[in-house]
Amino acid sequence: MGILEVKNVNKRFGGLQALKDVNLSIMENTVHAIIGPNGAGKSTLLNVLVGKLIPDTGSVSFQGKSVLGCKPYEINQMGISRVFQTPEIYGDLSVLENVLIPCFAHRDGAFRLHALETVEHETGMIEMAEKMLLDVNMQDKKDMHAASLSRGDKRRLEMAMCLVQEPKLLLLDEPTAGMARADTNNTIDLLKEIKAKRDITMAIIEHDMHVVFSLAERITVLAQGTPLVEDTPENIKGNPKVREAYLGTAEV
């Protein structure tokens, strides 16, 4: 059994069957990529995994607990963090303050922004945030306004904000979208470093096959809302079903 289990999930939007009989098992401490052509159902599946969408039928469980209908802060408390296509940061705050915010989450999920004013009274809080910035190579930018960062650095900051919560599962929604190749390669290296240092599972939705084949240990290919094949990257590359799904033909 995987750390995340998806069983017989179906989701329809009016006349569109976005997900059809989806079964997926993501094993602990692996990097699992979910790929597919446009309209394959990748984003819908991700939104189901984080409780944002409730499927018409089926179940989704994380470490044996259902995520269906959970609020975002409940998902975080379960040990799941999500990296969005567009980095979700607080542009008017400093880099360090952005990392401190998740440290002050109430049980009800509300952020105590005012606590930033008295953070010096929180033993070890700043040290923990600074260590996280060191882990993502952002320590020299801790006093900068987050809005002034490059897209690549905004992604690193968002990673720090996720990782300070010590998640067991990190969901990444096209983490290199809109990046130049240099920033893409830096993000790949960062994710490899994170994986090497932590007992963490990653699930990645990504269009860039360079990213997928650089990181993934297992790949699930979606086509028209249904898992077409799941295999190792080496086997996926030469699979005629995958070529047909992307190119409309199994011919090379």
Protein backbone atom coordinates (compact mmCIF):
# COMPACT_ATOMS: atom_id res chain seq x y z
CA MET A 1 0.00 0.00 0.00
CA GLY A 2 1.25 3.45 -0.91
CA ILE A 3 1.44 6.57 1.24
CA LEU A 4 -1.26 8.01 -1.05
CA GLU A 5 -4.00 5.78 -2.43
CA VAL A 6 -6.53 6.76 -5.12
CA LYS A 7 -9.25 4.19 -5.75
CA ASN A 8 -11.92 4.18 -8.46
CA VAL A 9 -12.11 7.97 -8.68
CA ASN A 10 -14.54 9.54 -11.13
CA LYS A 11 -15.19 13.23 -11.69
CA ARG A 12 -17.53 14.79 -14.21
CA PHE A 13 -18.09 18.46 -15.07
CA GLY A 14 -21.39 18.60 -16.92
CA GLY A 15 -20.89 16.56 -20.05
CA LEU A 16 -17.12 16.24 -19.58
CA GLN A 17 -15.75 13.13 -17.89
CA ALA A 18 -12.56 14.65 -16.43
CA LEU A 19 -11.52 11.56 -14.46
CA LYS A 20 -12.65 8.02 -15.16
CA ASP A 21 -11.94 5.03 -12.92
CA VAL A 22 -8.62 6.44 -11.70
CA ASN A 23 -6.55 4.14 -9.51
CA LEU A 24 -3.17 5.35 -8.32
CA SER A 25 -0.75 4.31 -5.62
CA ILE A 26 2.18 6.56 -4.72
CA MET A 27 4.82 4.73 -2.73
CA GLU A 28 6.56 6.31 0.24
CA ASN A 29 9.91 8.09 -0.34
CA THR A 30 9.60 8.01 -4.13
CA VAL A 31 9.30 10.71 -6.78
CA HIS A 32 6.17 9.93 -8.81
CA ALA A 33 5.36 11.99 -11.91
CA ILE A 34 1.88 12.31 -13.40
CA ILE A 35 2.00 13.31 -17.06
CA GLY A 36 -0.32 13.45 -20.03
CA PRO A 37 -1.38 15.63 -22.95
CA ASN A 38 -3.49 18.75 -22.44
CA GLY A 39 -6.95 17.87 -21.16
CA ALA A 40 -5.83 14.51 -19.76
CA GLY A 41 -7.15 15.32 -16.26
CA LYS A 42 -3.87 16.07 -14.47
CA SER A 43 -4.99 19.30 -12.77
CA THR A 44 -8.36 17.81 -11.84
CA LEU A 45 -6.60 14.85 -10.23
CA LEU A 46 -4.25 17.12 -8.30
CA ASN A 47 -7.18 19.16 -6.97
CA VAL A 48 -8.82 15.92 -5.84
CA LEU A 49 -5.60 14.85 -4.09
CA VAL A 50 -5.51 18.03 -1.98
CA GLY A 51 -9.23 17.96 -1.15
CA LYS A 52 -10.07 20.98 -3.30
CA LEU A 53 -12.42 18.88 -5.45
CA ILE A 54 -14.58 16.04 -4.21
CA PRO A 55 -14.91 13.22 -6.74
CA ASP A 56 -18.32 11.93 -7.77
CA THR A 57 -17.27 8.44 -6.73
CA GLY A 58 -14.17 6.82 -5.30
CA SER A 59 -11.78 7.51 -2.45
CA VAL A 60 -8.46 9.24 -1.76
CA SER A 61 -6.51 8.42 1.39
CA PHE A 62 -3.20 9.59 2.81
CA GLN A 63 -1.60 7.18 5.27
CA GLY A 64 -4.97 5.50 5.59
CA LYS A 65 -6.95 8.71 6.27
CA SER A 66 -9.40 10.18 3.79
CA VAL A 67 -8.56 13.62 2.38
CA LEU A 68 -11.97 14.14 0.81
CA GLY A 69 -13.65 17.30 2.05
CA CYS A 70 -10.65 18.37 4.14
CA LYS A 71 -9.86 22.06 4.42
CA PRO A 72 -6.41 23.26 3.24
CA TYR A 73 -5.04 23.61 6.77
CA GLU A 74 -6.24 20.08 7.58
CA ILE A 75 -4.40 18.80 4.52
CA ASN A 76 -1.26 20.58 5.76
CA GLN A 77 -1.65 19.14 9.24
CA MET A 78 -1.91 15.66 7.75
CA GLY A 79 1.54 16.17 6.24
CA ILE A 80 0.75 17.25 2.67
CA SER A 81 2.13 20.45 1.15
CA ARG A 82 1.48 21.80 -2.34
CA VAL A 83 3.65 23.88 -4.66
CA PHE A 84 1.53 25.81 -7.15
CA GLN A 85 2.23 26.64 -10.82
CA THR A 86 2.56 30.30 -9.83
CA PRO A 87 4.53 30.63 -6.56
CA GLU A 88 2.21 31.45 -3.65
CA ILE A 89 4.15 33.98 -1.58
CA TYR A 90 3.52 37.21 0.34
CA GLY A 91 5.13 39.82 -1.90
CA ASP A 92 4.96 42.69 0.60
CA LEU A 93 6.86 40.76 3.26
CA SER A 94 10.52 39.88 3.44
CA VAL A 95 11.85 36.48 2.43
CA LEU A 96 12.43 35.55 6.08
CA GLU A 97 8.94 36.69 7.11
CA ASN A 98 7.43 34.50 4.39
CA VAL A 99 9.10 31.43 5.89
CA LEU A 100 8.06 32.44 9.40
CA ILE A 101 4.35 32.63 8.50
CA PRO A 102 3.76 28.85 8.35
CA CYS A 103 5.45 28.54 11.75
CA PHE A 104 2.60 30.54 13.28
CA ALA A 105 -0.34 28.62 11.89
CA HIS A 106 -3.23 28.28 14.33
CA ARG A 107 -4.98 24.96 14.67
CA ASP A 108 -7.88 26.48 12.76
CA GLY A 109 -5.56 27.32 9.89
CA ALA A 110 -5.50 31.10 10.41
CA PHE A 111 -2.10 32.76 10.12
CA ARG A 112 -1.05 35.01 13.00
CA LEU A 113 0.52 37.73 10.88
CA HIS A 114 0.72 40.03 13.89
CA ALA A 115 3.03 37.51 15.54
CA LEU A 116 5.78 38.61 13.17
CA GLU A 117 6.05 41.76 15.28
CA THR A 118 6.99 39.76 18.37
CA VAL A 119 8.77 36.86 16.72
CA GLU A 120 11.94 37.51 18.70
CA HIS A 121 10.11 36.09 21.72
CA GLU A 122 9.55 32.76 19.98
CA THR A 123 12.52 30.59 20.97
CA GLY A 124 14.27 29.11 17.98
CA MET A 125 11.67 30.26 15.44
CA ILE A 126 13.96 32.59 13.51
CA GLU A 127 16.77 30.05 13.66
CA MET A 128 14.50 27.40 12.17
CA ALA A 129 13.38 29.72 9.37
CA GLU A 130 16.96 30.77 8.61
CA LYS A 131 18.06 27.14 8.46
CA MET A 132 15.31 26.45 5.96
CA LEU A 133 16.49 29.34 3.80
CA LEU A 134 20.01 27.91 4.00
CA ASP A 135 18.69 24.56 2.79
CA VAL A 136 17.26 26.20 -0.35
CA ASN A 137 20.25 28.53 -0.87
CA MET A 138 18.28 31.70 -0.06
CA GLN A 139 19.98 32.75 3.18
CA ASP A 140 21.67 35.76 1.57
CA LYS A 141 18.29 37.14 0.44
CA LYS A 142 16.40 36.85 3.72
CA ASP A 143 15.86 40.61 4.09
CA MET A 144 14.71 41.22 0.52
CA HIS A 145 11.07 41.88 -0.31
CA ALA A 146 9.65 38.68 -1.78
CA ALA A 147 8.04 40.56 -4.68
CA SER A 148 11.49 41.59 -5.97
CA LEU A 149 12.73 38.01 -6.40
CA SER A 150 13.20 36.27 -9.72
CA ARG A 151 10.72 33.53 -10.59
CA GLY A 152 13.31 30.89 -9.78
CA ASP A 153 13.97 32.41 -6.35
CA LYS A 154 10.24 32.78 -5.69
CA ARG A 155 9.98 29.04 -6.31
CA ARG A 156 12.82 28.39 -3.87
CA LEU A 157 11.08 30.58 -1.30
CA GLU A 158 7.81 28.71 -1.75
CA MET A 159 9.71 25.45 -1.28
CA ALA A 160 11.10 26.76 2.01
CA MET A 161 7.59 27.77 3.13
CA CYS A 162 6.38 24.23 2.40
CA LEU A 163 9.34 22.39 3.88
CA VAL A 164 9.34 24.31 7.17
CA GLN A 165 6.06 22.48 7.85
CA GLU A 166 7.97 19.17 7.55
CA PRO A 167 5.58 17.54 5.08
CA LYS A 168 5.62 13.84 4.34
CA LEU A 169 4.22 14.39 0.84
CA LEU A 170 5.08 17.30 -1.44
CA LEU A 171 2.75 17.86 -4.41
CA LEU A 172 4.31 19.94 -7.16
CA ASP A 173 2.10 21.44 -9.88
CA GLU A 174 4.41 22.24 -12.81
CA PRO A 175 7.18 23.58 -10.56
CA THR A 176 9.25 24.86 -13.50
CA ALA A 177 6.43 26.54 -15.46
CA GLY A 178 7.53 29.82 -17.02
CA MET A 179 11.18 29.38 -16.07
CA ALA A 180 14.25 29.84 -18.23
CA ARG A 181 16.29 26.67 -18.74
CA ALA A 182 18.92 27.74 -16.19
CA ASP A 183 16.25 28.23 -13.49
CA THR A 184 14.64 24.93 -14.50
CA ASN A 185 17.92 23.09 -14.02
CA ASN A 186 18.47 24.85 -10.69
CA THR A 187 15.01 23.74 -9.55
CA ILE A 188 15.76 20.17 -10.59
CA ASP A 189 18.98 20.27 -8.56
CA LEU A 190 17.11 21.75 -5.59
CA LEU A 191 14.48 18.99 -5.64
CA LYS A 192 17.21 16.36 -5.84
CA GLU A 193 18.92 17.93 -2.81
CA ILE A 194 15.64 18.02 -0.87
CA LYS A 195 14.96 14.38 -1.69
CA ALA A 196 18.47 13.35 -0.63
CA LYS A 197 18.24 15.17 2.72
CA ARG A 198 14.68 14.26 3.75
CA ASP A 199 12.35 11.31 4.10
CA ILE A 200 9.84 12.84 1.74
CA THR A 201 7.57 11.64 -1.05
CA MET A 202 7.04 13.82 -4.11
CA ALA A 203 4.28 13.76 -6.69
CA ILE A 204 4.94 15.98 -9.69
CA ILE A 205 2.62 17.14 -12.46
CA GLU A 206 4.79 18.46 -15.24
CA HIS A 207 4.78 19.05 -19.00
CA ASP A 208 8.55 19.42 -19.33
CA MET A 209 9.86 15.90 -20.00
CA HIS A 210 13.39 17.03 -19.14
CA VAL A 211 12.15 17.67 -15.60
CA VAL A 212 10.15 14.44 -15.46
CA PHE A 213 12.95 12.17 -16.62
CA SER A 214 15.49 13.96 -14.42
CA LEU A 215 13.50 13.37 -11.23
CA ALA A 216 10.86 10.65 -11.48
CA GLU A 217 11.26 7.09 -10.29
CA ARG A 218 7.74 6.13 -11.38
CA ILE A 219 5.51 7.76 -14.00
CA THR A 220 1.76 7.55 -14.49
CA VAL A 221 0.47 8.64 -17.89
CA LEU A 222 -3.08 9.96 -18.05
CA ALA A 223 -5.09 10.04 -21.26
CA GLN A 224 -8.66 11.35 -21.42
CA GLY A 225 -9.00 11.16 -17.65
CA THR A 226 -7.86 7.57 -17.32
CA PRO A 227 -4.46 6.15 -16.32
CA LEU A 228 -3.01 4.73 -19.51
CA VAL A 229 0.17 3.21 -18.15
CA GLU A 230 2.39 3.33 -15.06
CA ASP A 231 6.01 2.33 -15.30
CA THR A 232 9.63 3.36 -14.84
CA PRO A 233 10.95 6.32 -16.84
CA GLU A 234 13.05 3.98 -18.97
CA ASN A 235 10.02 1.93 -20.03
CA ILE A 236 7.77 4.97 -20.48
CA LYS A 237 10.13 6.50 -23.03
CA GLY A 238 9.65 3.67 -25.51
CA ASN A 239 6.03 2.79 -24.80
CA PRO A 240 3.93 3.00 -28.01
CA LYS A 241 0.77 3.76 -26.00
CA VAL A 242 2.43 6.87 -24.60
CA ARG A 243 3.57 8.04 -28.03
CA GLU A 244 0.05 7.52 -29.34
CA ALA A 245 -1.50 9.48 -26.48
CA TYR A 246 0.81 12.45 -27.12
CA LEU A 247 1.27 12.28 -30.86
CA GLY A 248 -1.87 10.54 -32.10
CA THR A 249 0.17 7.67 -33.53
CA ALA A 250 2.30 4.88 -32.15
CA GLU A 251 4.82 5.35 -34.95
CA VAL A 252 8.13 6.99 -34.09
